[in-house]
């Protein structure tokens, strides 16, 4: 703001000086002609008047009169020009202030637009990152649990093999002399169950739910509770059906009996 006012004041001063010089240039020829007229008059007077000092005094008074008149005219012109230029200067200052206010408003508007665009950009980037993360999670989930239905269909086969193994009495399982056929059948069923269990583990399907494990409601389903002096309360005492988890996700809880306090 101060720089604009200095420029306006400089322009005003130059205009005033220029106009004063023009008025003086216009007035000086007229003053010179009148001085010459009075000088000739004084000269004529001195030729006819015995006292030359009186004529000389009159001529100097005439010159002083026109000089004072010219000076007063210049001062009046300067004052008039100043009065005429004063409203113009105020109008120019008002225009400069209005222009600066307009520029400030434009800058504020542009800054607001930049802020809004930056906010939109950050939101778009965050949304893209969320979409990318969700897509990756869905892909990983589809890859890890694509065999869920197939694995569930094989769980009954594993249960049947476990039941067949449990159906053979323990004393006959290794008696190949007296019960060779039963012992061999048990060995074959056990090898089949072990091979199926290894195939499950290779694809992320793990069997769990053994006697003595601590009961976990996220993995076990308690069918009943019973007192057992040989068991620790809160642990699994009996297993009705094994549980399975696929890539750390339980696809079937183990059905168990839980030991309780007497």
Protein backbone atom coordinates (compact mmCIF):
# COMPACT_ATOMS: atom_id res chain seq x y z
CA UNK A 1 0.00 0.00 0.00
CA UNK A 2 2.81 2.48 0.84
CA UNK A 3 4.55 1.90 -2.50
CA UNK A 4 1.33 2.70 -4.40
CA UNK A 5 0.88 5.95 -2.43
CA UNK A 6 4.45 7.03 -3.21
CA UNK A 7 3.87 6.42 -6.92
CA UNK A 8 0.63 8.42 -6.83
CA UNK A 9 2.29 11.34 -4.97
CA UNK A 10 5.19 11.38 -7.42
CA UNK A 11 2.85 11.50 -10.41
CA UNK A 12 0.83 14.29 -8.74
CA UNK A 13 3.96 16.41 -8.09
CA UNK A 14 5.18 16.03 -11.66
CA UNK A 15 1.80 17.06 -13.07
CA UNK A 16 1.67 20.15 -10.84
CA UNK A 17 5.21 21.28 -11.78
CA UNK A 18 4.52 20.74 -15.48
CA UNK A 19 1.32 22.79 -15.38
CA UNK A 20 3.00 25.61 -13.41
CA UNK A 21 5.81 25.82 -15.98
CA UNK A 22 3.26 25.94 -18.80
CA UNK A 23 1.35 28.80 -17.12
CA UNK A 24 4.57 30.74 -16.47
CA UNK A 25 5.63 30.29 -20.10
CA UNK A 26 2.24 31.65 -21.14
CA UNK A 27 2.39 34.63 -18.74
CA UNK A 28 6.03 35.69 -19.22
CA UNK A 29 5.66 36.96 -22.86
CA UNK A 30 2.73 39.16 -21.81
CA UNK A 31 4.69 40.50 -18.84
CA UNK A 32 7.74 41.17 -21.01
CA UNK A 33 5.65 43.08 -23.58
CA UNK A 34 4.10 45.24 -20.86
CA UNK A 35 7.49 45.88 -19.29
CA UNK A 36 8.80 46.96 -22.66
CA UNK A 37 5.83 49.29 -23.11
CA UNK A 38 6.38 50.86 -19.72
CA UNK A 39 10.13 51.06 -20.34
CA UNK A 40 9.51 53.00 -23.53
CA UNK A 41 7.07 55.17 -21.64
CA UNK A 42 9.63 55.77 -18.92
CA UNK A 43 12.26 56.57 -21.52
CA UNK A 44 9.98 59.11 -23.12
CA UNK A 45 9.26 60.56 -19.71
CA UNK A 46 12.93 60.90 -18.88
CA UNK A 47 13.52 62.86 -22.06
CA UNK A 48 10.81 65.35 -21.17
CA UNK A 49 11.17 65.35 -17.37
CA UNK A 50 14.13 67.12 -15.74
CA UNK A 51 14.31 64.62 -12.89
CA UNK A 52 15.58 61.24 -14.16
CA UNK A 53 15.52 59.61 -10.70
CA UNK A 54 11.71 59.81 -10.57
CA UNK A 55 11.37 58.03 -13.93
CA UNK A 56 13.78 55.33 -12.91
CA UNK A 57 11.88 54.73 -9.68
CA UNK A 58 8.60 54.46 -11.54
CA UNK A 59 10.05 51.97 -14.00
CA UNK A 60 11.33 49.73 -11.20
CA UNK A 61 7.97 49.91 -9.47
CA UNK A 62 6.29 48.77 -12.68
CA UNK A 63 8.66 45.82 -13.07
CA UNK A 64 8.12 44.86 -9.40
CA UNK A 65 4.38 45.09 -9.85
CA UNK A 66 4.34 42.71 -12.79
CA UNK A 67 6.82 40.38 -11.08
CA UNK A 68 4.66 40.18 -7.96
CA UNK A 69 1.59 39.72 -10.08
CA UNK A 70 3.23 36.87 -11.98
CA UNK A 71 4.33 35.18 -8.75
CA UNK A 72 0.86 35.48 -7.22
CA UNK A 73 -0.65 34.12 -10.42
CA UNK A 74 1.70 31.08 -10.29
CA UNK A 75 0.86 30.43 -6.65
CA UNK A 76 -2.86 30.67 -7.38
CA UNK A 77 -2.44 28.26 -10.29
CA UNK A 78 -0.57 25.79 -8.07
CA UNK A 79 -3.26 25.96 -5.39
CA UNK A 80 -5.99 25.49 -7.98
CA UNK A 81 -4.21 22.53 -9.54
CA UNK A 82 -3.66 21.02 -6.10
CA UNK A 83 -7.34 21.36 -5.31
CA UNK A 84 -8.26 19.84 -8.66
CA UNK A 85 -5.77 16.97 -8.25
CA UNK A 86 -6.71 16.15 -4.64
CA UNK A 87 -10.01 14.36 -5.46
CA UNK A 88 -8.29 12.54 -8.31
CA UNK A 89 -5.58 11.30 -5.93
CA UNK A 90 -8.17 10.04 -3.46
CA UNK A 91 -10.01 8.26 -6.25
CA UNK A 92 -6.77 6.65 -7.41
CA UNK A 93 -6.00 5.52 -3.86
CA UNK A 94 -9.49 4.08 -3.57
CA UNK A 95 -9.02 2.25 -6.87
CA UNK A 96 -5.66 0.89 -5.72
CA UNK A 97 -7.16 -0.31 -2.43
CA UNK A 98 -10.05 -1.89 -4.29
CA UNK A 99 -7.63 -3.62 -6.69
CA UNK A 100 -5.56 -4.93 -3.78
CA UNK A 101 -8.69 -6.20 -2.04
CA UNK A 102 -9.74 -7.93 -5.25
CA UNK A 103 -6.29 -9.52 -5.55
CA UNK A 104 -6.47 -10.72 -1.94
CA UNK A 105 -9.88 -12.25 -2.58
CA UNK A 106 -8.57 -14.02 -5.69
CA UNK A 107 -5.57 -15.37 -3.77
CA UNK A 108 -7.83 -16.63 -0.96
CA UNK A 109 -10.11 -18.27 -3.52
CA UNK A 110 -7.16 -19.97 -5.23
CA UNK A 111 -5.78 -21.18 -1.90
CA UNK A 112 -9.19 -22.64 -1.03
CA UNK A 113 -9.33 -24.41 -4.41
CA UNK A 114 -5.84 -25.84 -3.89
CA UNK A 115 -6.81 -27.05 -0.40
CA UNK A 116 -9.99 -28.69 -1.72
CA UNK A 117 -8.11 -30.38 -4.58
CA UNK A 118 -5.45 -31.64 -2.18
CA UNK A 119 -8.14 -33.03 0.13
CA UNK A 120 -9.83 -34.75 -2.81
CA UNK A 121 -6.48 -36.19 -3.93
CA UNK A 122 -5.74 -37.58 -0.48
CA UNK A 123 -9.21 -39.08 -0.24
CA UNK A 124 -8.82 -40.68 -3.67
CA UNK A 125 -5.45 -42.15 -2.72
CA UNK A 126 -6.87 -43.49 0.55
CA UNK A 127 -9.83 -45.00 -1.28
CA UNK A 128 -7.54 -46.64 -3.83
CA UNK A 129 -5.38 -48.05 -1.04
CA UNK A 130 -8.47 -49.45 0.72
CA UNK A 131 -9.69 -50.99 -2.53
CA UNK A 132 -6.26 -52.52 -3.18
CA UNK A 133 -6.09 -53.94 0.36
CA UNK A 134 -9.60 -55.38 0.18
CA UNK A 135 -8.89 -56.91 -3.23
CA UNK A 136 -5.66 -58.48 -1.91
CA UNK A 137 -7.50 -59.87 1.10
CA UNK A 138 -10.21 -61.33 -1.12
CA UNK A 139 -7.62 -62.91 -3.40
CA UNK A 140 -5.74 -64.41 -0.46
CA UNK A 141 -8.98 -65.65 1.05
CA UNK A 142 -10.06 -67.19 -2.23
CA UNK A 143 -6.69 -68.91 -2.62
CA UNK A 144 -6.51 -70.16 0.97
CA UNK A 145 -10.08 -71.31 1.32
CA UNK A 146 -10.89 -72.39 -2.21
CA UNK A 147 -10.80 -76.03 -1.11
CA UNK A 148 -13.09 -75.53 1.88
CA UNK A 149 -16.03 -77.37 0.36
CA UNK A 150 -13.81 -80.19 -0.88
CA UNK A 151 -12.12 -80.49 2.53
CA UNK A 152 -15.47 -80.62 4.34
CA UNK A 153 -16.59 -83.43 2.07
CA UNK A 154 -13.54 -85.47 3.12
CA UNK A 155 -14.03 -84.93 6.83
CA UNK A 156 -16.61 -87.71 7.03
CA UNK A 157 -14.13 -90.10 5.40
CA UNK A 158 -11.55 -89.22 8.04
CA UNK A 159 -14.15 -89.73 10.77
CA UNK A 160 -15.04 -93.17 9.38
CA UNK A 161 -11.40 -94.22 9.32
CA UNK A 162 -10.97 -93.05 12.93
CA UNK A 163 -14.05 -95.04 13.99
CA UNK A 164 -12.76 -98.13 12.20
CA UNK A 165 -9.45 -97.86 14.04
CA UNK A 166 -11.18 -97.44 17.39
CA UNK A 167 -13.42 -100.44 16.73
CA UNK A 168 -10.47 -102.87 16.74
CA UNK A 169 -9.65 -104.02 20.28
CA UNK A 170 -6.21 -103.01 21.44
CA UNK A 171 -5.12 -106.58 22.13
CA UNK A 172 -5.82 -107.58 18.55
CA UNK A 173 -4.17 -104.65 16.83
CA UNK A 174 -0.67 -106.08 16.93
CA UNK A 175 -1.48 -109.81 17.34
CA UNK A 176 -0.42 -111.12 13.93
CA UNK A 177 -0.09 -114.73 15.14
CA UNK A 178 -3.62 -115.32 16.38
CA UNK A 179 -5.46 -112.55 14.60
CA UNK A 180 -3.29 -111.86 11.59
CA UNK A 181 -6.10 -110.71 9.32
CA UNK A 182 -7.49 -108.24 11.85
CA UNK A 183 -4.04 -106.93 12.70
CA UNK A 184 -3.21 -106.49 9.01
CA UNK A 185 -6.54 -104.75 8.37
CA UNK A 186 -5.92 -102.41 11.27
CA UNK A 187 -2.47 -101.62 9.95
CA UNK A 188 -3.87 -100.84 6.49
CA UNK A 189 -6.60 -98.60 7.87
CA UNK A 190 -4.07 -96.78 10.01
CA UNK A 191 -1.77 -96.22 7.01
CA UNK A 192 -4.73 -94.89 5.00
CA UNK A 193 -5.71 -92.54 7.81
CA UNK A 194 -2.11 -91.33 8.19
CA UNK A 195 -1.84 -90.70 4.43
CA UNK A 196 -5.11 -88.77 4.43
CA UNK A 197 -3.99 -86.73 7.43
CA UNK A 198 -0.70 -85.86 5.67
CA UNK A 199 -2.61 -84.80 2.53
CA UNK A 200 -4.83 -82.61 4.69
CA UNK A 201 -1.83 -80.97 6.39
CA UNK A 202 -0.14 -80.37 3.02
CA UNK A 203 -3.15 -78.29 1.94
CA UNK A 204 -3.51 -76.43 5.24
CA UNK A 205 -6.12 -78.70 6.82
CA UNK A 206 -5.11 -79.60 10.39
CA UNK A 207 -6.82 -82.03 12.78
CA UNK A 208 -7.16 -81.04 16.44
CA UNK A 209 -9.06 -82.08 19.57
CA UNK A 210 -7.12 -84.53 21.72
CA UNK A 211 -7.80 -85.72 25.25
CA UNK A 212 -6.11 -83.49 27.82
CA UNK A 213 -6.29 -80.27 25.82
CA UNK A 214 -7.62 -77.18 27.54
CA UNK A 215 -11.17 -76.45 26.47
CA UNK A 216 -11.35 -73.55 23.99
CA UNK A 217 -14.84 -72.41 23.00
CA UNK A 218 -13.45 -71.13 19.69
CA UNK A 219 -12.28 -74.61 18.71
CA UNK A 220 -14.28 -77.06 20.81
CA UNK A 221 -17.96 -77.76 21.17
CA UNK A 222 -18.82 -79.12 24.62
CA UNK A 223 -21.51 -81.79 24.37
CA UNK A 224 -21.50 -82.61 28.09
CA UNK A 225 -19.58 -82.21 31.34
CA UNK A 226 -18.72 -84.99 33.77
CA UNK A 227 -16.63 -85.33 36.91
CA UNK A 228 -13.37 -87.23 36.56
CA UNK A 229 -11.00 -87.64 39.52
CA UNK A 230 -8.14 -88.46 37.13
CA UNK A 231 -8.71 -85.44 34.90
CA UNK A 232 -8.08 -81.75 35.38
CA UNK A 233 -11.20 -79.58 35.46
CA UNK A 234 -11.61 -77.51 32.33
CA UNK A 235 -9.82 -79.98 30.08
CA UNK A 236 -11.10 -82.37 27.45
CA UNK A 237 -11.85 -85.82 28.85
CA UNK A 238 -13.55 -87.45 25.87
CA UNK A 239 -13.54 -86.76 22.12
CA UNK A 240 -16.64 -87.62 20.15
CA UNK A 241 -15.49 -86.11 16.86
CA UNK A 242 -12.22 -84.49 15.82
CA UNK A 243 -12.08 -80.88 14.78
CA UNK A 244 -10.44 -79.42 11.67
CA UNK A 245 -9.02 -76.01 10.79
CA UNK A 246 -8.13 -74.77 7.30
CA UNK A 247 -5.30 -72.18 7.29
CA UNK A 248 -5.99 -71.30 10.94
CA UNK A 249 -9.73 -71.02 10.33
CA UNK A 250 -11.93 -73.50 12.11
CA UNK A 251 -14.16 -75.23 9.58
CA UNK A 252 -15.49 -77.75 12.09
CA UNK A 253 -15.19 -77.61 15.90
CA UNK A 254 -14.29 -80.70 17.84
CA UNK A 255 -17.17 -82.34 19.72
CA UNK A 256 -15.88 -83.15 23.19
CA UNK A 257 -16.79 -83.91 26.77
CA UNK A 258 -15.29 -81.55 29.37
CA UNK A 259 -14.09 -82.53 32.83
CA UNK A 260 -15.70 -80.55 35.64
CA UNK A 261 -15.08 -80.23 39.36
CA UNK A 262 -16.69 -82.81 41.61
